[in-house]
Amino acid sequence: MSDDRYVREVDDDTLRREKARARALRQTPWWRRRIASGRCHYCQRDVGAKALTLDHVVPLVRGGRSIRANLVAACKECNHKKQSLLAWEWQAYLDTFDRSADS
């Protein structure tokens, strides 16, 4: 999945600032509570708190912000596969697996 399918919506300074906010939020008690269950937001697998990564539901390069409402705990596999997809694009990707499993 490549980022060249759309026009990047943010400039480098905004992207740098939002990444810094995300790094700061990862150091907070709020984030530690968020990952305590060890469960991936997307696949619902129990992977353990240390294996979870911070994912922006609306990716930064697509105009998302580093605010609590836009951050979820995801396993590395889901986070890597989702990359810069929006929620509906990610769901459409997952649905292709559901349809192929029904066949």
Protein backbone atom coordinates (compact mmCIF):
# COMPACT_ATOMS: atom_id res chain seq x y z
CA MET A 1 0.00 0.00 0.00
CA SER A 2 1.60 3.14 -1.17
CA ASP A 3 1.05 6.73 -0.09
CA ASP A 4 1.06 7.89 -3.72
CA ARG A 5 -2.67 7.19 -4.16
CA TYR A 6 -3.68 10.57 -2.77
CA VAL A 7 -2.39 14.08 -2.26
CA ARG A 8 -0.69 14.55 1.07
CA GLU A 9 -2.81 16.91 3.13
CA VAL A 10 -0.23 18.28 5.58
CA ASP A 11 3.09 20.06 5.34
CA ASP A 12 6.33 18.82 6.90
CA ASP A 13 6.15 21.18 9.90
CA THR A 14 2.64 20.04 10.81
CA LEU A 15 3.64 16.40 10.42
CA ARG A 16 6.70 16.89 12.64
CA ARG A 17 4.61 18.68 15.30
CA GLU A 18 1.92 15.96 15.34
CA LYS A 19 4.53 13.19 15.59
CA ALA A 20 6.06 14.98 18.58
CA ARG A 21 2.62 15.16 20.23
CA ALA A 22 2.14 11.43 19.62
CA ARG A 23 5.52 10.64 21.20
CA ALA A 24 4.57 12.73 24.24
CA LEU A 25 1.18 11.00 24.58
CA ARG A 26 2.90 7.57 24.55
CA GLN A 27 4.65 8.59 27.78
CA THR A 28 1.44 9.36 29.68
CA PRO A 29 -0.58 7.28 32.16
CA TRP A 30 -3.49 7.56 29.71
CA TRP A 31 -1.55 5.56 27.09
CA ARG A 32 -0.36 3.00 29.66
CA ARG A 33 -3.99 2.41 30.66
CA ARG A 34 -4.96 2.21 26.99
CA ILE A 35 -2.48 -0.61 26.26
CA ALA A 36 -2.91 -2.44 29.57
CA SER A 37 -5.37 -4.95 28.10
CA GLY A 38 -2.81 -5.98 25.48
CA ARG A 39 -5.56 -6.21 22.84
CA CYS A 40 -5.26 -4.86 19.29
CA HIS A 41 -8.01 -2.40 18.37
CA TYR A 42 -8.29 -3.79 14.85
CA CYS A 43 -7.92 -7.59 14.99
CA GLN A 44 -8.87 -7.97 18.67
CA ARG A 45 -5.97 -10.40 19.28
CA ASP A 46 -4.33 -10.43 22.68
CA VAL A 47 -0.70 -9.62 21.91
CA GLY A 48 0.43 -8.09 25.20
CA ALA A 49 0.94 -4.46 26.11
CA LYS A 50 4.56 -4.37 24.98
CA ALA A 51 3.62 -5.56 21.47
CA LEU A 52 1.08 -2.78 20.90
CA THR A 53 1.87 0.31 18.87
CA LEU A 54 0.14 3.67 18.67
CA ASP A 55 -1.96 4.09 15.53
CA HIS A 56 -3.70 7.19 14.23
CA VAL A 57 -7.20 6.20 13.06
CA VAL A 58 -7.06 9.13 10.63
CA PRO A 59 -3.39 9.04 9.60
CA LEU A 60 -1.28 12.15 10.07
CA VAL A 61 -0.48 12.38 6.36
CA ARG A 62 -4.22 12.37 5.65
CA GLY A 63 -4.91 15.28 8.01
CA GLY A 64 -5.29 13.37 11.29
CA ARG A 65 -4.19 14.80 14.60
CA SER A 66 -2.37 13.39 17.60
CA ILE A 67 -5.31 13.67 19.98
CA ARG A 68 -6.69 10.95 22.23
CA ALA A 69 -9.84 10.50 20.15
CA ASN A 70 -7.73 9.66 17.08
CA LEU A 71 -5.32 7.20 18.74
CA VAL A 72 -5.74 3.47 19.22
CA ALA A 73 -3.53 0.60 20.31
CA ALA A 74 -2.76 -1.73 17.42
CA CYS A 75 -0.55 -4.75 16.97
CA LYS A 76 2.46 -4.17 14.73
CA GLU A 77 0.99 -6.34 11.98
CA CYS A 78 -2.29 -4.38 11.74
CA ASN A 79 -0.54 -1.02 12.09
CA HIS A 80 1.87 -1.91 9.29
CA LYS A 81 -0.88 -3.16 6.98
CA LYS A 82 -3.17 -0.19 7.66
CA GLN A 83 -0.44 2.38 7.02
CA SER A 84 -2.13 5.53 5.74
CA LEU A 85 -5.60 4.14 5.10
CA LEU A 86 -8.68 5.86 6.47
CA ALA A 87 -11.07 3.82 8.62
CA TRP A 88 -13.46 3.03 5.76
CA GLU A 89 -10.58 2.07 3.45
CA TRP A 90 -9.16 -0.24 6.12
CA GLN A 91 -12.58 -1.83 6.66
CA ALA A 92 -12.96 -2.40 2.92
CA TYR A 93 -9.55 -4.10 2.94
CA LEU A 94 -10.61 -6.36 5.84
CA ASP A 95 -13.92 -7.14 4.13
CA THR A 96 -12.06 -8.68 1.20
CA PHE A 97 -10.83 -11.37 3.59
CA ASP A 98 -14.33 -11.94 4.98
CA ARG A 99 -15.72 -12.45 1.48
CA SER A 100 -12.96 -14.85 0.49
CA ALA A 101 -13.50 -16.87 3.70
CA ASP A 102 -17.21 -17.23 2.84
CA SER A 103 -16.39 -18.77 -0.54
